[in-house]
Amino acid sequence: MARKGQDLEYQLREIRKQLSEQNNCLELRTEGKLSLLADLKDFYKKRGEVEFEYAKNLERLCERFERNTKQRNLKHEVRSTFNLWSTLLAETRRMARDKASFAEVLSLEMGARIDIMSRDVVSIAKKLLFVSI
């Protein structure tokens, strides 16, 4: 009878030891995931800043060349070249707007989604740790 009690205690100690090791692994994985998510959020924020700066530079480029074009008197024979030039500037301006929108998505929406993911990771880890206690 005493032997059964000792075996049971030994098994309980082993189970607690395994559970403790698993909890430590869970904590390490959670920390790793949160660190990666923080890096992703920072990356998207910085990428958004780069895209926004690029969009502003494209817009300035278009404005500068549009001013130069308006200052010139174009003759009829170069009208097709002028149309091509106008189309190029319009497309570049559209690209600048697209880049600015993309920058907003990267820096705001992606950051918010990563925050949600981080909260979910923490919540799941807490629930798992609570169940294991």
N, C-alpha and C. Protein backbone atom coordinates (compact mmCIF):
# COMPACT_ATOMS: atom_id res chain seq x y z
N MET A 1 0.81 -1.18 0.00
CA MET A 1 0.00 0.00 0.00
C MET A 1 0.86 1.26 0.00
N ALA A 2 1.92 1.24 0.82
CA ALA A 2 2.84 2.38 0.87
C ALA A 2 3.55 2.54 -0.46
N ARG A 3 3.77 1.40 -1.10
CA ARG A 3 4.45 1.42 -2.41
C ARG A 3 3.59 2.13 -3.45
N LYS A 4 2.30 1.89 -3.43
CA LYS A 4 1.39 2.55 -4.37
C LYS A 4 1.39 4.06 -4.14
N GLY A 5 1.42 4.48 -2.90
CA GLY A 5 1.45 5.91 -2.56
C GLY A 5 2.71 6.57 -3.07
N GLN A 6 3.84 5.87 -2.94
CA GLN A 6 5.12 6.42 -3.42
C GLN A 6 5.13 6.51 -4.95
N ASP A 7 4.59 5.49 -5.60
CA ASP A 7 4.51 5.51 -7.07
C ASP A 7 3.63 6.66 -7.55
N LEU A 8 2.53 6.85 -6.86
CA LEU A 8 1.62 7.92 -7.22
C LEU A 8 2.28 9.29 -7.04
N GLU A 9 2.98 9.46 -5.94
CA GLU A 9 3.69 10.73 -5.70
C GLU A 9 4.75 10.96 -6.77
N TYR A 10 5.47 9.91 -7.09
CA TYR A 10 6.51 10.01 -8.13
C TYR A 10 5.87 10.42 -9.48
N GLN A 11 4.77 9.80 -9.84
CA GLN A 11 4.08 10.12 -11.08
C GLN A 11 3.58 11.56 -11.09
N LEU A 12 3.04 12.00 -9.95
CA LEU A 12 2.57 13.39 -9.85
C LEU A 12 3.72 14.38 -10.02
N ARG A 13 4.87 14.07 -9.40
CA ARG A 13 6.04 14.94 -9.54
C ARG A 13 6.49 15.01 -11.00
N GLU A 14 6.49 13.85 -11.66
CA GLU A 14 6.89 13.81 -13.07
C GLU A 14 5.92 14.60 -13.95
N ILE A 15 4.63 14.45 -13.69
CA ILE A 15 3.63 15.19 -14.46
C ILE A 15 3.79 16.69 -14.23
N ARG A 16 3.98 17.09 -12.99
CA ARG A 16 4.19 18.52 -12.69
C ARG A 16 5.46 19.04 -13.36
N LYS A 17 6.49 18.22 -13.36
CA LYS A 17 7.75 18.61 -14.00
C LYS A 17 7.53 18.80 -15.50
N GLN A 18 6.84 17.86 -16.14
CA GLN A 18 6.55 17.98 -17.58
C GLN A 18 5.68 19.19 -17.87
N LEU A 19 4.69 19.40 -17.02
CA LEU A 19 3.80 20.54 -17.19
C LEU A 19 4.57 21.85 -17.05
N SER A 20 5.47 21.90 -16.11
CA SER A 20 6.29 23.09 -15.92
C SER A 20 7.17 23.35 -17.14
N GLU A 21 7.77 22.28 -17.67
CA GLU A 21 8.59 22.42 -18.88
C GLU A 21 7.76 22.89 -20.06
N GLN A 22 6.56 22.36 -20.19
CA GLN A 22 5.68 22.77 -21.29
C GLN A 22 5.25 24.23 -21.13
N ASN A 23 4.99 24.63 -19.88
CA ASN A 23 4.63 26.03 -19.64
C ASN A 23 5.79 26.96 -19.99
N ASN A 24 7.01 26.55 -19.66
CA ASN A 24 8.18 27.35 -20.02
C ASN A 24 8.32 27.47 -21.53
N CYS A 25 8.11 26.36 -22.23
CA CYS A 25 8.17 26.38 -23.70
C CYS A 25 7.09 27.30 -24.26
N LEU A 26 5.89 27.23 -23.70
CA LEU A 26 4.80 28.08 -24.14
C LEU A 26 5.14 29.55 -23.94
N GLU A 27 5.69 29.87 -22.80
CA GLU A 27 6.08 31.26 -22.53
C GLU A 27 7.14 31.74 -23.52
N LEU A 28 8.12 30.89 -23.80
CA LEU A 28 9.17 31.26 -24.76
C LEU A 28 8.60 31.45 -26.16
N ARG A 29 7.71 30.55 -26.58
CA ARG A 29 7.08 30.68 -27.90
C ARG A 29 6.23 31.95 -27.97
N THR A 30 5.51 32.23 -26.90
CA THR A 30 4.68 33.44 -26.87
C THR A 30 5.54 34.68 -26.98
N GLU A 31 6.62 34.72 -26.22
CA GLU A 31 7.54 35.86 -26.29
C GLU A 31 8.12 36.00 -27.70
N GLY A 32 8.49 34.88 -28.31
CA GLY A 32 9.03 34.90 -29.67
C GLY A 32 8.01 35.44 -30.67
N LYS A 33 6.77 34.97 -30.55
CA LYS A 33 5.71 35.44 -31.46
C LYS A 33 5.46 36.93 -31.27
N LEU A 34 5.40 37.37 -30.02
CA LEU A 34 5.15 38.79 -29.75
C LEU A 34 6.30 39.65 -30.28
N SER A 35 7.51 39.16 -30.13
CA SER A 35 8.67 39.89 -30.65
C SER A 35 8.60 40.00 -32.17
N LEU A 36 8.27 38.89 -32.82
CA LEU A 36 8.14 38.90 -34.28
C LEU A 36 7.02 39.83 -34.72
N LEU A 37 5.89 39.79 -34.04
CA LEU A 37 4.78 40.67 -34.39
C LEU A 37 5.16 42.15 -34.20
N ALA A 38 5.92 42.43 -33.15
CA ALA A 38 6.37 43.81 -32.92
C ALA A 38 7.31 44.25 -34.06
N ASP A 39 8.18 43.34 -34.49
CA ASP A 39 9.07 43.65 -35.61
C ASP A 39 8.28 43.87 -36.89
N LEU A 40 7.27 43.03 -37.13
CA LEU A 40 6.42 43.21 -38.31
C LEU A 40 5.71 44.55 -38.28
N LYS A 41 5.18 44.90 -37.13
CA LYS A 41 4.48 46.19 -37.00
C LYS A 41 5.44 47.34 -37.29
N ASP A 42 6.63 47.27 -36.73
CA ASP A 42 7.63 48.31 -36.97
C ASP A 42 8.02 48.36 -38.44
N PHE A 43 8.19 47.18 -39.06
CA PHE A 43 8.53 47.13 -40.48
C PHE A 43 7.46 47.80 -41.33
N TYR A 44 6.20 47.45 -41.08
CA TYR A 44 5.12 48.04 -41.87
C TYR A 44 5.01 49.54 -41.65
N LYS A 45 5.26 49.98 -40.44
CA LYS A 45 5.23 51.41 -40.16
C LYS A 45 6.33 52.12 -40.94
N LYS A 46 7.55 51.58 -40.88
CA LYS A 46 8.68 52.19 -41.61
C LYS A 46 8.45 52.11 -43.11
N ARG A 47 7.95 50.98 -43.59
CA ARG A 47 7.67 50.84 -45.03
C ARG A 47 6.62 51.85 -45.47
N GLY A 48 5.63 52.06 -44.62
CA GLY A 48 4.60 53.06 -44.91
C GLY A 48 5.20 54.45 -45.00
N GLU A 49 6.12 54.77 -44.11
CA GLU A 49 6.80 56.07 -44.14
C GLU A 49 7.59 56.24 -45.44
N VAL A 50 8.29 55.18 -45.85
CA VAL A 50 9.07 55.22 -47.10
C VAL A 50 8.14 55.42 -48.29
N GLU A 51 7.04 54.66 -48.33
CA GLU A 51 6.09 54.78 -49.44
C GLU A 51 5.47 56.17 -49.47
N PHE A 52 5.15 56.72 -48.30
CA PHE A 52 4.56 58.06 -48.25
C PHE A 52 5.55 59.11 -48.73
N GLU A 53 6.80 58.97 -48.31
CA GLU A 53 7.84 59.92 -48.76
C GLU A 53 8.02 59.82 -50.28
N TYR A 54 8.00 58.60 -50.79
CA TYR A 54 8.11 58.39 -52.24
C TYR A 54 6.94 59.06 -52.95
N ALA A 55 5.74 58.92 -52.40
CA ALA A 55 4.55 59.54 -53.00
C ALA A 55 4.69 61.06 -53.02
N LYS A 56 5.17 61.63 -51.93
CA LYS A 56 5.36 63.09 -51.89
C LYS A 56 6.39 63.53 -52.92
N ASN A 57 7.46 62.78 -53.06
CA ASN A 57 8.49 63.13 -54.03
C ASN A 57 7.96 63.04 -55.47
N LEU A 58 7.15 62.02 -55.75
CA LEU A 58 6.55 61.92 -57.08
C LEU A 58 5.64 63.11 -57.35
N GLU A 59 4.87 63.49 -56.36
CA GLU A 59 3.96 64.64 -56.50
C GLU A 59 4.76 65.92 -56.77
N ARG A 60 5.83 66.12 -56.02
CA ARG A 60 6.67 67.32 -56.25
C ARG A 60 7.28 67.31 -57.65
N LEU A 61 7.73 66.14 -58.09
CA LEU A 61 8.29 66.01 -59.42
C LEU A 61 7.27 66.42 -60.48
N CYS A 62 6.05 65.93 -60.34
CA CYS A 62 4.99 66.29 -61.29
C CYS A 62 4.72 67.79 -61.27
N GLU A 63 4.62 68.36 -60.09
CA GLU A 63 4.34 69.80 -59.98
C GLU A 63 5.43 70.62 -60.65
N ARG A 64 6.67 70.24 -60.41
CA ARG A 64 7.80 70.99 -60.99
C ARG A 64 7.74 70.96 -62.52
N PHE A 65 7.53 69.78 -63.08
CA PHE A 65 7.53 69.68 -64.53
C PHE A 65 6.26 70.25 -65.15
N GLU A 66 5.16 70.22 -64.41
CA GLU A 66 3.94 70.86 -64.93
C GLU A 66 4.13 72.37 -64.99
N ARG A 67 4.77 72.94 -63.99
CA ARG A 67 5.06 74.39 -64.03
C ARG A 67 5.95 74.72 -65.21
N ASN A 68 6.98 73.90 -65.43
CA ASN A 68 7.88 74.14 -66.56
C ASN A 68 7.13 74.06 -67.89
N THR A 69 6.24 73.10 -67.99
CA THR A 69 5.48 72.90 -69.23
C THR A 69 4.54 74.07 -69.49
N LYS A 70 3.89 74.55 -68.45
CA LYS A 70 2.95 75.67 -68.61
C LYS A 70 3.67 76.97 -68.99
N GLN A 71 4.90 77.08 -68.56
CA GLN A 71 5.65 78.30 -68.86
C GLN A 71 6.08 78.36 -70.32
N ARG A 72 6.10 77.23 -70.98
CA ARG A 72 6.50 77.21 -72.39
C ARG A 72 5.27 77.41 -73.28
N ASN A 73 5.49 78.03 -74.40
CA ASN A 73 4.43 78.11 -75.41
C ASN A 73 4.68 77.01 -76.41
N LEU A 74 3.78 76.04 -76.41
CA LEU A 74 3.95 74.91 -77.31
C LEU A 74 3.24 75.18 -78.64
N LYS A 75 3.93 74.89 -79.70
CA LYS A 75 3.37 75.06 -81.03
C LYS A 75 2.58 73.82 -81.42
N HIS A 76 1.78 73.97 -82.45
CA HIS A 76 0.92 72.86 -82.89
C HIS A 76 1.70 71.61 -83.28
N GLU A 77 2.85 71.79 -83.86
CA GLU A 77 3.59 70.63 -84.35
C GLU A 77 4.12 69.74 -83.23
N VAL A 78 4.20 70.25 -82.03
CA VAL A 78 4.67 69.43 -80.92
C VAL A 78 3.50 69.03 -80.00
N ARG A 79 2.29 69.19 -80.48
CA ARG A 79 1.11 68.88 -79.68
C ARG A 79 1.05 67.40 -79.27
N SER A 80 1.41 66.47 -80.17
CA SER A 80 1.37 65.05 -79.82
C SER A 80 2.41 64.74 -78.74
N THR A 81 3.55 65.40 -78.80
CA THR A 81 4.56 65.23 -77.77
C THR A 81 4.04 65.78 -76.44
N PHE A 82 3.34 66.90 -76.52
CA PHE A 82 2.75 67.49 -75.32
C PHE A 82 1.71 66.54 -74.71
N ASN A 83 0.91 65.90 -75.55
CA ASN A 83 -0.09 64.95 -75.05
C ASN A 83 0.58 63.77 -74.35
N LEU A 84 1.64 63.30 -74.95
CA LEU A 84 2.39 62.21 -74.33
C LEU A 84 2.94 62.65 -72.97
N TRP A 85 3.50 63.84 -72.94
CA TRP A 85 4.06 64.40 -71.71
C TRP A 85 2.97 64.56 -70.65
N SER A 86 1.82 65.05 -71.03
CA SER A 86 0.70 65.23 -70.09
C SER A 86 0.24 63.89 -69.53
N THR A 87 0.19 62.90 -70.39
CA THR A 87 -0.21 61.57 -69.95
C THR A 87 0.80 60.99 -68.97
N LEU A 88 2.08 61.18 -69.25
CA LEU A 88 3.12 60.71 -68.34
C LEU A 88 3.00 61.37 -66.98
N LEU A 89 2.78 62.67 -66.96
CA LEU A 89 2.62 63.39 -65.69
C LEU A 89 1.37 62.93 -64.95
N ALA A 90 0.28 62.73 -65.68
CA ALA A 90 -0.97 62.28 -65.04
C ALA A 90 -0.80 60.89 -64.43
N GLU A 91 -0.13 60.01 -65.15
CA GLU A 91 0.11 58.65 -64.63
C GLU A 91 1.03 58.68 -63.40
N THR A 92 2.01 59.54 -63.44
CA THR A 92 2.92 59.67 -62.30
C THR A 92 2.16 60.22 -61.09
N ARG A 93 1.28 61.16 -61.32
CA ARG A 93 0.47 61.72 -60.23
C ARG A 93 -0.46 60.63 -59.65
N ARG A 94 -1.04 59.80 -60.53
CA ARG A 94 -1.89 58.70 -60.08
C ARG A 94 -1.08 57.72 -59.25
N MET A 95 0.14 57.44 -59.70
CA MET A 95 1.02 56.54 -58.96
C MET A 95 1.33 57.13 -57.58
N ALA A 96 1.52 58.43 -57.51
CA ALA A 96 1.79 59.07 -56.23
C ALA A 96 0.60 58.90 -55.28
N ARG A 97 -0.61 59.07 -55.80
CA ARG A 97 -1.81 58.88 -54.97
C ARG A 97 -1.92 57.43 -54.50
N ASP A 98 -1.62 56.50 -55.41
CA ASP A 98 -1.67 55.08 -55.05
C ASP A 98 -0.64 54.76 -53.96
N LYS A 99 0.54 55.31 -54.11
CA LYS A 99 1.59 55.07 -53.12
C LYS A 99 1.18 55.64 -51.76
N ALA A 100 0.55 56.82 -51.77
CA ALA A 100 0.11 57.43 -50.51
C ALA A 100 -0.96 56.56 -49.85
N SER A 101 -1.87 56.01 -50.63
CA SER A 101 -2.90 55.12 -50.08
C SER A 101 -2.27 53.85 -49.53
N PHE A 102 -1.33 53.31 -50.28
CA PHE A 102 -0.62 52.11 -49.84
C PHE A 102 0.12 52.38 -48.53
N ALA A 103 0.73 53.54 -48.44
CA ALA A 103 1.46 53.90 -47.22
C ALA A 103 0.51 53.95 -46.03
N GLU A 104 -0.68 54.47 -46.24
CA GLU A 104 -1.66 54.54 -45.17
C GLU A 104 -2.08 53.14 -44.72
N VAL A 105 -2.30 52.26 -45.67
CA VAL A 105 -2.67 50.88 -45.34
C VAL A 105 -1.55 50.21 -44.54
N LEU A 106 -0.33 50.39 -44.99
CA LEU A 106 0.79 49.76 -44.30
C LEU A 106 0.94 50.26 -42.87
N SER A 107 0.92 51.57 -42.71
CA SER A 107 1.23 52.11 -41.39
C SER A 107 0.06 52.05 -40.42
N LEU A 108 -1.16 52.18 -40.90
CA LEU A 108 -2.30 52.20 -39.98
C LEU A 108 -3.01 50.85 -39.88
N GLU A 109 -3.49 50.37 -40.99
CA GLU A 109 -4.30 49.14 -40.95
C GLU A 109 -3.48 47.92 -40.56
N MET A 110 -2.30 47.79 -41.10
CA MET A 110 -1.48 46.63 -40.75
C MET A 110 -1.08 46.69 -39.27
N GLY A 111 -0.77 47.88 -38.79
CA GLY A 111 -0.43 48.02 -37.38
C GLY A 111 -1.58 47.61 -36.47
N ALA A 112 -2.79 48.01 -36.84
CA ALA A 112 -3.97 47.65 -36.05
C ALA A 112 -4.21 46.14 -36.08
N ARG A 113 -4.04 45.54 -37.24
CA ARG A 113 -4.23 44.09 -37.34
C ARG A 113 -3.18 43.33 -36.55
N ILE A 114 -1.96 43.81 -36.58
CA ILE A 114 -0.90 43.14 -35.81
C ILE A 114 -1.15 43.30 -34.32
N ASP A 115 -1.69 44.45 -33.89
CA ASP A 115 -2.05 44.62 -32.48
C ASP A 115 -3.10 43.59 -32.06
N ILE A 116 -4.07 43.36 -32.92
CA ILE A 116 -5.11 42.36 -32.64
C ILE A 116 -4.48 40.98 -32.52
N MET A 117 -3.57 40.67 -33.44
CA MET A 117 -2.90 39.37 -33.40
C MET A 117 -2.09 39.22 -32.11
N SER A 118 -1.44 40.27 -31.69
CA SER A 118 -0.64 40.23 -30.45
C SER A 118 -1.54 39.97 -29.25
N ARG A 119 -2.68 40.67 -29.20
CA ARG A 119 -3.61 40.45 -28.09
C ARG A 119 -4.12 39.01 -28.10
N ASP A 120 -4.40 38.48 -29.28
CA ASP A 120 -4.86 37.10 -29.39
C ASP A 120 -3.81 36.11 -28.89
N VAL A 121 -2.56 36.34 -29.26
CA VAL A 121 -1.47 35.45 -28.82
C VAL A 121 -1.37 35.46 -27.29
N VAL A 122 -1.44 36.65 -26.70
CA VAL A 122 -1.35 36.77 -25.24
C VAL A 122 -2.56 36.10 -24.58
N SER A 123 -3.73 36.33 -25.13
CA SER A 123 -4.95 35.74 -24.58
C SER A 123 -4.91 34.21 -24.61
N ILE A 124 -4.50 33.67 -25.72
CA ILE A 124 -4.41 32.20 -25.85
C ILE A 124 -3.38 31.64 -24.87
N ALA A 125 -2.25 32.31 -24.79
CA ALA A 125 -1.20 31.84 -23.87
C ALA A 125 -1.69 31.87 -22.42
N LYS A 126 -2.41 32.93 -22.04
CA LYS A 126 -2.94 33.01 -20.67
C LYS A 126 -3.94 31.90 -20.41
N LYS A 127 -4.80 31.63 -21.39
CA LYS A 127 -5.79 30.56 -21.22
C LYS A 127 -5.10 29.22 -21.07
N LEU A 128 -4.07 28.98 -21.87
CA LEU A 128 -3.35 27.71 -21.77
C LEU A 128 -2.64 27.57 -20.43
N LEU A 129 -2.05 28.66 -19.97
CA LEU A 129 -1.37 28.61 -18.67
C LEU A 129 -2.37 28.41 -17.54
N PHE A 130 -3.55 29.04 -17.67
CA PHE A 130 -4.58 28.87 -16.64
C PHE A 130 -5.08 27.44 -16.61
N VAL A 131 -5.27 26.83 -17.75
CA VAL A 131 -5.74 25.44 -17.82
C VAL A 131 -4.71 24.50 -17.20
N SER A 132 -3.44 24.83 -17.36
CA SER A 132 -2.39 23.92 -16.87
C SER A 132 -2.17 24.03 -15.36
N ILE A 133 -2.74 25.03 -14.74
CA ILE A 133 -2.53 25.21 -13.29
C ILE A 133 -3.42 24.29 -12.50
